[in-house]
Amino acid sequence: MSAQLIQFSPSKELSAFVKRYWIYKGSFQNADFMRILPFGAIDIIAHKNVSMEYKCGSQIKKEPLIFIEGQYLGPSFKKPAEQCEFLGITLHPWATKYLLDSPAAELTGHVVDIELINRKLKAQLCMIIDRYPLTESIGEHLDIMLTSFFSKLELSKSHKNLVKISLSSGIDLRSHWSQTSRSFQIKFKEIFGITWRQHNNKKRFLKAMDLINKPDVSYAEIAYKAGYYDQAHFIRQFKEFAGLTPGSYRKSKANTMVELTALGH
């Protein structure tokens, strides 16, 4: 098995809506379903030729060639084709309402064919992926296309306030929000697609993922640095997100089951 992940940035004008572009190319032989860990992203994914199979509950489904995938708060499982080549556009959660007229919360945990939401966007993505090779230079064409969708859009005042604060590190969003706690919770989920508590749990998990890949860092140290109450709290919440314990994850790092966990993140 061999795989390559290329990540690059959108234009400055699009940065309020688009987090990054990415390209994934992989070669797999007789691959089984692989565990994809949740990194809290909303991605538009466009396959070059062949899409993947994925598990949806007890069912096995085929991904559309171009689709949007909402945020996951637990592991997902995908089976790659022998030759994988696809493009990803990682959106900030609030961008889905403006680009697709779909609140982020409605997409959480789902795979949705773009054609069902925005046929014009699908047609333009099809044109780009058919006409140009999947290299970093494709970003220029994505910038032009997405600017045509976003150029006339304006974030609402409430969206701007939360977005500005959310993009700043180490800031408590609620301390900058003047509404009641319930109003904050409703507005937060509307904009970010998940609850405030889920958002904080996700941030801790992402921090823990950075640390757990360092074999010399103990679980107690990970728990402390990632903001968990204690080691037991870390292990319990890690298992909720990853579907396996930290110890099992570290052992599986040598296995292909986690090789796709970095897709688009």
C-alpha atoms as a PDB file:
ATOM      1  CA  MET A   1       0.000   0.000   0.000  1.00  0.00           C
ATOM      2  CA  SER A   2       1.186   3.533  -0.786  1.00  0.00           C
ATOM      3  CA  ALA A   3      -0.554   6.829  -0.167  1.00  0.00           C
ATOM      4  CA  GLN A   4       0.065  10.537  -0.600  1.00  0.00           C
ATOM      5  CA  LEU A   5      -1.803  13.438   0.968  1.00  0.00           C
ATOM      6  CA  ILE A   6      -1.247  16.977  -0.341  1.00  0.00           C
ATOM      7  CA  GLN A   7      -2.795  19.932   1.499  1.00  0.00           C
ATOM      8  CA  PHE A   8      -2.848  23.553   0.358  1.00  0.00           C
ATOM      9  CA  SER A   9      -4.630  26.782   1.209  1.00  0.00           C
ATOM     10  CA  PRO A  10      -7.432  28.652  -0.557  1.00  0.00           C
ATOM     11  CA  SER A  11      -7.136  32.320  -1.459  1.00  0.00           C
ATOM     12  CA  LYS A  12      -7.290  34.846   1.368  1.00  0.00           C
ATOM     13  CA  GLU A  13     -10.700  36.001   0.140  1.00  0.00           C
ATOM     14  CA  LEU A  14     -12.122  32.523   0.698  1.00  0.00           C
ATOM     15  CA  SER A  15     -10.488  31.827   4.065  1.00  0.00           C
ATOM     16  CA  ALA A  16     -13.621  32.817   6.011  1.00  0.00           C
ATOM     17  CA  PHE A  17     -15.482  29.946   4.339  1.00  0.00           C
ATOM     18  CA  VAL A  18     -12.881  27.410   3.148  1.00  0.00           C
ATOM     19  CA  LYS A  19     -10.341  25.922   5.546  1.00  0.00           C
ATOM     20  CA  ARG A  20      -8.162  24.048   3.051  1.00  0.00           C
ATOM     21  CA  TYR A  21      -7.950  22.077  -0.152  1.00  0.00           C
ATOM     22  CA  TRP A  22      -6.445  18.617  -0.245  1.00  0.00           C
ATOM     23  CA  ILE A  23      -5.647  15.807  -2.668  1.00  0.00           C
ATOM     24  CA  TYR A  24      -5.383  12.146  -1.762  1.00  0.00           C
ATOM     25  CA  LYS A  25      -3.788   9.495  -3.963  1.00  0.00           C
ATOM     26  CA  GLY A  26      -3.464   5.899  -2.836  1.00  0.00           C
ATOM     27  CA  SER A  27      -2.773   2.436  -4.126  1.00  0.00           C
ATOM     28  CA  PHE A  28      -4.337  -0.471  -2.252  1.00  0.00           C
ATOM     29  CA  GLN A  29      -4.267  -4.201  -2.848  1.00  0.00           C
ATOM     30  CA  ASN A  30      -7.172  -6.292  -1.518  1.00  0.00           C
ATOM     31  CA  ALA A  31      -7.968  -3.638   1.078  1.00  0.00           C
ATOM     32  CA  ASP A  32     -10.665  -4.234   3.664  1.00  0.00           C
ATOM     33  CA  PHE A  33     -12.691  -1.538   5.410  1.00  0.00           C
ATOM     34  CA  MET A  34     -10.446   0.977   7.126  1.00  0.00           C
ATOM     35  CA  ARG A  35     -11.145   2.961  10.255  1.00  0.00           C
ATOM     36  CA  ILE A  36     -11.367   6.727   9.716  1.00  0.00           C
ATOM     37  CA  LEU A  37     -11.082   8.733  12.906  1.00  0.00           C
ATOM     38  CA  PRO A  38     -13.304  11.806  13.320  1.00  0.00           C
ATOM     39  CA  PHE A  39     -11.417  15.064  12.916  1.00  0.00           C
ATOM     40  CA  GLY A  40     -14.465  17.314  12.970  1.00  0.00           C
ATOM     41  CA  ALA A  41     -14.287  18.529   9.383  1.00  0.00           C
ATOM     42  CA  ILE A  42     -16.970  19.099   6.754  1.00  0.00           C
ATOM     43  CA  ASP A  43     -15.585  18.055   3.383  1.00  0.00           C
ATOM     44  CA  ILE A  44     -16.733  18.264  -0.205  1.00  0.00           C
ATOM     45  CA  ILE A  45     -15.067  15.274  -1.874  1.00  0.00           C
ATOM     46  CA  ALA A  46     -14.749  14.697  -5.613  1.00  0.00           C
ATOM     47  CA  HIS A  47     -13.473  11.325  -6.804  1.00  0.00           C
ATOM     48  CA  LYS A  48     -11.500  11.300 -10.027  1.00  0.00           C
ATOM     49  CA  ASN A  49     -12.757   7.924 -11.251  1.00  0.00           C
ATOM     50  CA  VAL A  50     -13.899   5.388  -8.668  1.00  0.00           C
ATOM     51  CA  SER A  51     -15.490   6.121  -5.297  1.00  0.00           C
ATOM     52  CA  MET A  52     -15.229   4.157  -2.053  1.00  0.00           C
ATOM     53  CA  GLU A  53     -17.638   1.899  -0.237  1.00  0.00           C
ATOM     54  CA  TYR A  54     -18.602   2.944   3.285  1.00  0.00           C
ATOM     55  CA  LYS A  55     -20.546   1.481   6.176  1.00  0.00           C
ATOM     56  CA  CYS A  56     -23.822   3.143   7.141  1.00  0.00           C
ATOM     57  CA  GLY A  57     -25.076   1.307  10.194  1.00  0.00           C
ATOM     58  CA  SER A  58     -25.480  -2.318   9.121  1.00  0.00           C
ATOM     59  CA  GLN A  59     -25.520  -1.387   5.421  1.00  0.00           C
ATOM     60  CA  ILE A  60     -22.665  -1.034   2.957  1.00  0.00           C
ATOM     61  CA  LYS A  61     -23.125   1.819   0.499  1.00  0.00           C
ATOM     62  CA  LYS A  62     -21.196   3.357  -2.389  1.00  0.00           C
ATOM     63  CA  GLU A  63     -20.107   6.968  -2.101  1.00  0.00           C
ATOM     64  CA  PRO A  64     -21.338   9.315  -4.841  1.00  0.00           C
ATOM     65  CA  LEU A  65     -18.538  10.552  -7.096  1.00  0.00           C
ATOM     66  CA  ILE A  66     -19.010  14.068  -5.678  1.00  0.00           C
ATOM     67  CA  PHE A  67     -20.523  14.493  -2.232  1.00  0.00           C
ATOM     68  CA  ILE A  68     -20.390  16.408   1.016  1.00  0.00           C
ATOM     69  CA  GLU A  69     -19.521  14.615   4.218  1.00  0.00           C
ATOM     70  CA  GLY A  70     -20.607  16.136   7.510  1.00  0.00           C
ATOM     71  CA  GLN A  71     -18.770  16.059  10.798  1.00  0.00           C
ATOM     72  CA  TYR A  72     -18.449  12.736  12.608  1.00  0.00           C
ATOM     73  CA  LEU A  73     -18.210  12.295  16.359  1.00  0.00           C
ATOM     74  CA  GLY A  74     -17.218   8.644  16.107  1.00  0.00           C
ATOM     75  CA  PRO A  75     -15.237   6.445  13.727  1.00  0.00           C
ATOM     76  CA  SER A  76     -16.387   5.755  10.176  1.00  0.00           C
ATOM     77  CA  PHE A  77     -15.328   2.861   7.970  1.00  0.00           C
ATOM     78  CA  LYS A  78     -14.428   2.997   4.281  1.00  0.00           C
ATOM     79  CA  LYS A  79     -13.145   0.498   1.765  1.00  0.00           C
ATOM     80  CA  PRO A  80     -10.872   2.073  -0.860  1.00  0.00           C
ATOM     81  CA  ALA A  81     -10.646   0.977  -4.465  1.00  0.00           C
ATOM     82  CA  GLU A  82      -7.309  -0.375  -5.686  1.00  0.00           C
ATOM     83  CA  GLN A  83      -6.461   3.059  -7.115  1.00  0.00           C
ATOM     84  CA  CYS A  84      -7.796   6.074  -5.227  1.00  0.00           C
ATOM     85  CA  GLU A  85      -7.500   9.635  -6.449  1.00  0.00           C
ATOM     86  CA  PHE A  86      -9.745  12.374  -5.144  1.00  0.00           C
ATOM     87  CA  LEU A  87      -9.984  16.037  -4.295  1.00  0.00           C
ATOM     88  CA  GLY A  88     -11.205  17.484  -1.007  1.00  0.00           C
ATOM     89  CA  ILE A  89     -12.481  20.925  -0.014  1.00  0.00           C
ATOM     90  CA  THR A  90     -12.651  21.354   3.745  1.00  0.00           C
ATOM     91  CA  LEU A  91     -15.267  23.923   4.697  1.00  0.00           C
ATOM     92  CA  HIS A  92     -15.684  25.832   7.907  1.00  0.00           C
ATOM     93  CA  PRO A  93     -18.975  24.588   9.425  1.00  0.00           C
ATOM     94  CA  TRP A  94     -20.827  27.862   8.883  1.00  0.00           C
ATOM     95  CA  ALA A  95     -20.018  27.828   5.159  1.00  0.00           C
ATOM     96  CA  THR A  96     -22.537  25.065   4.398  1.00  0.00           C
ATOM     97  CA  LYS A  97     -25.491  27.363   5.050  1.00  0.00           C
ATOM     98  CA  TYR A  98     -24.153  29.918   2.566  1.00  0.00           C
ATOM     99  CA  LEU A  99     -22.847  27.566  -0.114  1.00  0.00           C
ATOM    100  CA  LEU A 100     -25.340  24.715   0.086  1.00  0.00           C
ATOM    101  CA  ASP A 101     -28.288  26.244   1.945  1.00  0.00           C
ATOM    102  CA  SER A 102     -27.907  23.404   4.435  1.00  0.00           C
ATOM    103  CA  PRO A 103     -27.101  24.084   8.110  1.00  0.00           C
ATOM    104  CA  ALA A 104     -24.068  22.144   9.296  1.00  0.00           C
ATOM    105  CA  ALA A 105     -26.173  20.315  11.893  1.00  0.00           C
ATOM    106  CA  GLU A 106     -28.248  18.656   9.146  1.00  0.00           C
ATOM    107  CA  LEU A 107     -25.074  17.193   7.615  1.00  0.00           C
ATOM    108  CA  THR A 108     -23.489  15.852  10.804  1.00  0.00           C
ATOM    109  CA  GLY A 109     -22.770  12.144  10.408  1.00  0.00           C
ATOM    110  CA  HIS A 110     -24.091  11.987   6.833  1.00  0.00           C
ATOM    111  CA  VAL A 111     -22.815  11.510   3.276  1.00  0.00           C
ATOM    112  CA  VAL A 112     -24.926  13.532   0.819  1.00  0.00           C
ATOM    113  CA  ASP A 113     -24.711  13.663  -2.981  1.00  0.00           C
ATOM    114  CA  ILE A 114     -23.932  17.265  -3.977  1.00  0.00           C
ATOM    115  CA  GLU A 115     -26.432  17.013  -6.823  1.00  0.00           C
ATOM    116  CA  LEU A 116     -29.246  16.858  -4.280  1.00  0.00           C
ATOM    117  CA  ILE A 117     -28.149  20.186  -2.802  1.00  0.00           C
ATOM    118  CA  ASN A 118     -26.422  22.275  -5.469  1.00  0.00           C
ATOM    119  CA  ARG A 119     -26.401  21.036  -9.081  1.00  0.00           C
ATOM    120  CA  LYS A 120     -24.460  24.039 -10.336  1.00  0.00           C
ATOM    121  CA  LEU A 121     -21.638  23.376  -7.881  1.00  0.00           C
ATOM    122  CA  LYS A 122     -21.517  19.718  -8.903  1.00  0.00           C
ATOM    123  CA  ALA A 123     -21.366  20.591 -12.606  1.00  0.00           C
ATOM    124  CA  GLN A 124     -18.465  22.990 -12.070  1.00  0.00           C
ATOM    125  CA  LEU A 125     -16.562  20.540  -9.881  1.00  0.00           C
ATOM    126  CA  CYS A 126     -17.043  17.816 -12.507  1.00  0.00           C
ATOM    127  CA  MET A 127     -15.622  20.142 -15.148  1.00  0.00           C
ATOM    128  CA  ILE A 128     -12.560  21.002 -13.030  1.00  0.00           C
ATOM    129  CA  ILE A 129     -11.748  17.442 -11.992  1.00  0.00           C
ATOM    130  CA  ASP A 130     -12.180  16.154 -15.570  1.00  0.00           C
ATOM    131  CA  ARG A 131     -10.163  18.934 -17.182  1.00  0.00           C
ATOM    132  CA  TYR A 132      -7.206  19.342 -14.812  1.00  0.00           C
ATOM    133  CA  PRO A 133      -4.777  16.889 -13.175  1.00  0.00           C
ATOM    134  CA  LEU A 134      -4.978  16.528  -9.417  1.00  0.00           C
ATOM    135  CA  THR A 135      -2.012  18.660  -8.426  1.00  0.00           C
ATOM    136  CA  GLU A 136      -1.674  21.697  -6.197  1.00  0.00           C
ATOM    137  CA  SER A 137      -2.177  23.997  -9.208  1.00  0.00           C
ATOM    138  CA  ILE A 138      -5.835  22.972  -9.288  1.00  0.00           C
ATOM    139  CA  GLY A 139      -6.301  25.325  -6.336  1.00  0.00           C
ATOM    140  CA  GLU A 140      -6.349  28.324  -8.694  1.00  0.00           C
ATOM    141  CA  HIS A 141      -9.377  26.911 -10.514  1.00  0.00           C
ATOM    142  CA  LEU A 142     -11.118  26.060  -7.237  1.00  0.00           C
ATOM    143  CA  ASP A 143     -10.529  29.619  -6.013  1.00  0.00           C
ATOM    144  CA  ILE A 144     -12.164  31.085  -9.123  1.00  0.00           C
ATOM    145  CA  MET A 145     -15.123  28.721  -8.932  1.00  0.00           C
ATOM    146  CA  LEU A 146     -15.794  29.156  -5.204  1.00  0.00           C
ATOM    147  CA  THR A 147     -15.310  32.929  -5.333  1.00  0.00           C
ATOM    148  CA  SER A 148     -18.189  33.056  -7.811  1.00  0.00           C
ATOM    149  CA  PHE A 149     -20.393  31.371  -5.198  1.00  0.00           C
ATOM    150  CA  PHE A 150     -19.214  33.274  -2.135  1.00  0.00           C
ATOM    151  CA  SER A 151     -18.415  36.748  -3.520  1.00  0.00           C
ATOM    152  CA  LYS A 152     -21.928  38.120  -3.039  1.00  0.00           C
ATOM    153  CA  LEU A 153     -22.439  36.502   0.346  1.00  0.00           C
ATOM    154  CA  GLU A 154     -22.046  38.267   3.643  1.00  0.00           C
ATOM    155  CA  LEU A 155     -21.846  36.638   7.043  1.00  0.00           C
ATOM    156  CA  SER A 156     -24.551  37.808   9.432  1.00  0.00           C
ATOM    157  CA  LYS A 157     -23.406  39.853  12.428  1.00  0.00           C
ATOM    158  CA  SER A 158     -23.960  36.984  14.871  1.00  0.00           C
ATOM    159  CA  HIS A 159     -22.084  34.612  12.587  1.00  0.00           C
ATOM    160  CA  LYS A 160     -19.196  37.067  12.276  1.00  0.00           C
ATOM    161  CA  ASN A 161     -18.869  37.389  16.050  1.00  0.00           C
ATOM    162  CA  LEU A 162     -18.731  33.661  16.695  1.00  0.00           C
ATOM    163  CA  VAL A 163     -16.572  32.943  13.661  1.00  0.00           C
ATOM    164  CA  LYS A 164     -14.015  35.609  14.591  1.00  0.00           C
ATOM    165  CA  ILE A 165     -13.741  34.288  18.129  1.00  0.00           C
ATOM    166  CA  SER A 166     -13.682  30.628  17.056  1.00  0.00           C
ATOM    167  CA  LEU A 167     -10.722  31.248  14.750  1.00  0.00           C
ATOM    168  CA  SER A 168      -8.737  32.677  17.679  1.00  0.00           C
ATOM    169  CA  SER A 169      -7.025  30.097  19.851  1.00  0.00           C
ATOM    170  CA  GLY A 170      -7.447  29.853  23.607  1.00  0.00           C
ATOM    171  CA  ILE A 171     -10.610  31.964  23.841  1.00  0.00           C
ATOM    172  CA  ASP A 172     -13.775  30.927  25.675  1.00  0.00           C
ATOM    173  CA  LEU A 173     -16.556  31.597  23.181  1.00  0.00           C
ATOM    174  CA  ARG A 174     -19.201  31.973  25.893  1.00  0.00           C
ATOM    175  CA  SER A 175     -17.279  34.750  27.638  1.00  0.00           C
ATOM    176  CA  HIS A 176     -17.657  36.819  24.436  1.00  0.00           C
ATOM    177  CA  TRP A 177     -21.332  35.991  23.835  1.00  0.00           C
ATOM    178  CA  SER A 178     -23.894  38.354  25.349  1.00  0.00           C
ATOM    179  CA  GLN A 179     -26.980  36.147  25.046  1.00  0.00           C
ATOM    180  CA  THR A 180     -28.303  33.695  27.627  1.00  0.00           C
ATOM    181  CA  SER A 181     -26.765  30.262  27.930  1.00  0.00           C
ATOM    182  CA  ARG A 182     -29.660  28.621  26.053  1.00  0.00           C
ATOM    183  CA  SER A 183     -29.492  31.205  23.275  1.00  0.00           C
ATOM    184  CA  PHE A 184     -25.774  30.603  23.002  1.00  0.00           C
ATOM    185  CA  GLN A 185     -26.273  26.827  22.731  1.00  0.00           C
ATOM    186  CA  ILE A 186     -28.902  27.201  19.996  1.00  0.00           C
ATOM    187  CA  LYS A 187     -26.848  29.703  17.993  1.00  0.00           C
ATOM    188  CA  PHE A 188     -23.659  27.684  18.398  1.00  0.00           C
ATOM    189  CA  LYS A 189     -25.215  24.480  17.071  1.00  0.00           C
ATOM    190  CA  GLU A 190     -26.833  26.386  14.210  1.00  0.00           C
ATOM    191  CA  ILE A 191     -23.462  27.758  13.102  1.00  0.00           C
ATOM    192  CA  PHE A 192     -21.072  24.926  13.984  1.00  0.00           C
ATOM    193  CA  GLY A 193     -23.322  21.907  13.454  1.00  0.00           C
ATOM    194  CA  ILE A 194     -22.555  20.345  16.848  1.00  0.00           C
ATOM    195  CA  THR A 195     -23.209  21.369  20.438  1.00  0.00           C
ATOM    196  CA  TRP A 196     -20.814  23.401  22.564  1.00  0.00           C
ATOM    197  CA  ARG A 197     -20.024  20.301  24.644  1.00  0.00           C
ATOM    198  CA  GLN A 198     -19.375  18.176  21.540  1.00  0.00           C
ATOM    199  CA  HIS A 199     -17.133  20.948  20.192  1.00  0.00           C
ATOM    200  CA  ASN A 200     -15.041  20.953  23.372  1.00  0.00           C
ATOM    201  CA  ASN A 201     -14.854  17.156  23.418  1.00  0.00           C
ATOM    202  CA  LYS A 202     -13.695  17.227  19.794  1.00  0.00           C
ATOM    203  CA  LYS A 203     -10.985  19.802  20.558  1.00  0.00           C
ATOM    204  CA  ARG A 204      -9.670  17.662  23.416  1.00  0.00           C
ATOM    205  CA  PHE A 205      -9.662  14.591  21.177  1.00  0.00           C
ATOM    206  CA  LEU A 206      -7.724  16.400  18.438  1.00  0.00           C
ATOM    207  CA  LYS A 207      -5.155  17.565  20.982  1.00  0.00           C
ATOM    208  CA  ALA A 208      -4.905  14.036  22.334  1.00  0.00           C
ATOM    209  CA  MET A 209      -4.365  12.710  18.797  1.00  0.00           C
ATOM    210  CA  ASP A 210      -1.362  15.004  18.395  1.00  0.00           C
ATOM    211  CA  LEU A 211       0.115  13.654  21.620  1.00  0.00           C
ATOM    212  CA  ILE A 212      -0.761   9.973  21.339  1.00  0.00           C
ATOM    213  CA  ASN A 213       1.311   9.669  18.173  1.00  0.00           C
ATOM    214  CA  LYS A 214       4.363  10.390  20.323  1.00  0.00           C
ATOM    215  CA  PRO A 215       5.159   7.008  21.929  1.00  0.00           C
ATOM    216  CA  ASP A 216       7.121   8.507  24.826  1.00  0.00           C
ATOM    217  CA  VAL A 217       4.123  10.517  26.113  1.00  0.00           C
ATOM    218  CA  SER A 218       2.180   8.727  28.871  1.00  0.00           C
ATOM    219  CA  TYR A 219      -1.608   8.588  29.043  1.00  0.00           C
ATOM    220  CA  ALA A 220      -1.571  10.633  32.245  1.00  0.00           C
ATOM    221  CA  GLU A 221       0.441  13.347  30.483  1.00  0.00           C
ATOM    222  CA  ILE A 222      -1.898  13.275  27.475  1.00  0.00           C
ATOM    223  CA  ALA A 223      -4.900  13.642  29.790  1.00  0.00           C
ATOM    224  CA  TYR A 224      -3.335  16.645  31.520  1.00  0.00           C
ATOM    225  CA  LYS A 225      -2.132  18.444  28.382  1.00  0.00           C
ATOM    226  CA  ALA A 226      -5.322  17.827  26.392  1.00  0.00           C
ATOM    227  CA  GLY A 227      -7.550  19.121  29.180  1.00  0.00           C
ATOM    228  CA  TYR A 228      -9.205  15.936  30.464  1.00  0.00           C
ATOM    229  CA  TYR A 229     -10.131  15.612  34.127  1.00  0.00           C
ATOM    230  CA  ASP A 230      -7.940  12.551  34.574  1.00  0.00           C
ATOM    231  CA  GLN A 231      -6.558   9.533  32.725  1.00  0.00           C
ATOM    232  CA  ALA A 232      -9.823   7.586  33.031  1.00  0.00           C
ATOM    233  CA  HIS A 233     -11.746  10.492  31.496  1.00  0.00           C
ATOM    234  CA  PHE A 234      -9.269  10.615  28.595  1.00  0.00           C
ATOM    235  CA  ILE A 235      -9.485   6.867  27.901  1.00  0.00           C
ATOM    236  CA  ARG A 236     -13.298   6.891  28.031  1.00  0.00           C
ATOM    237  CA  GLN A 237     -13.726   9.853  25.668  1.00  0.00           C
ATOM    238  CA  PHE A 238     -10.984   8.674  23.317  1.00  0.00           C
ATOM    239  CA  LYS A 239     -12.832   5.380  22.910  1.00  0.00           C
ATOM    240  CA  GLU A 240     -16.087   7.250  22.155  1.00  0.00           C
ATOM    241  CA  PHE A 241     -14.425   9.126  19.268  1.00  0.00           C
ATOM    242  CA  ALA A 242     -12.062   6.458  17.954  1.00  0.00           C
ATOM    243  CA  GLY A 243     -14.037   3.308  18.687  1.00  0.00           C
ATOM    244  CA  LEU A 244     -11.004   1.741  20.353  1.00  0.00           C
ATOM    245  CA  THR A 245      -8.868   2.416  23.411  1.00  0.00           C
ATOM    246  CA  PRO A 246      -5.682   4.516  23.292  1.00  0.00           C
ATOM    247  CA  GLY A 247      -3.647   1.334  23.788  1.00  0.00           C
ATOM    248  CA  SER A 248      -5.357  -0.414  20.869  1.00  0.00           C
ATOM    249  CA  TYR A 249      -4.852   2.672  18.722  1.00  0.00           C
ATOM    250  CA  ARG A 250      -1.128   2.790  19.409  1.00  0.00           C
ATOM    251  CA  LYS A 251      -0.798  -0.884  18.568  1.00  0.00           C
ATOM    252  CA  SER A 252      -2.767  -0.438  15.340  1.00  0.00           C
ATOM    253  CA  LYS A 253      -0.550   2.366  14.047  1.00  0.00           C
ATOM    254  CA  ALA A 254       1.495  -0.229  12.197  1.00  0.00           C
ATOM    255  CA  ASN A 255      -1.701  -1.537  10.579  1.00  0.00           C
ATOM    256  CA  THR A 256      -3.375  -0.123   7.474  1.00  0.00           C
ATOM    257  CA  MET A 257      -6.687   0.259   9.306  1.00  0.00           C
ATOM    258  CA  VAL A 258      -5.707   3.767  10.433  1.00  0.00           C
ATOM    259  CA  GLU A 259      -3.819   4.849   7.321  1.00  0.00           C
ATOM    260  CA  LEU A 260      -6.767   6.931   6.102  1.00  0.00           C
ATOM    261  CA  THR A 261      -7.316   8.860   9.328  1.00  0.00           C
ATOM    262  CA  ALA A 262      -5.553  11.950   8.002  1.00  0.00           C
ATOM    263  CA  LEU A 263      -7.819  12.452   5.002  1.00  0.00           C
ATOM    264  CA  GLY A 264      -8.405  16.129   4.592  1.00  0.00           C
ATOM    265  CA  HIS A 265      -7.377  17.130   8.096  1.00  0.00           C
END
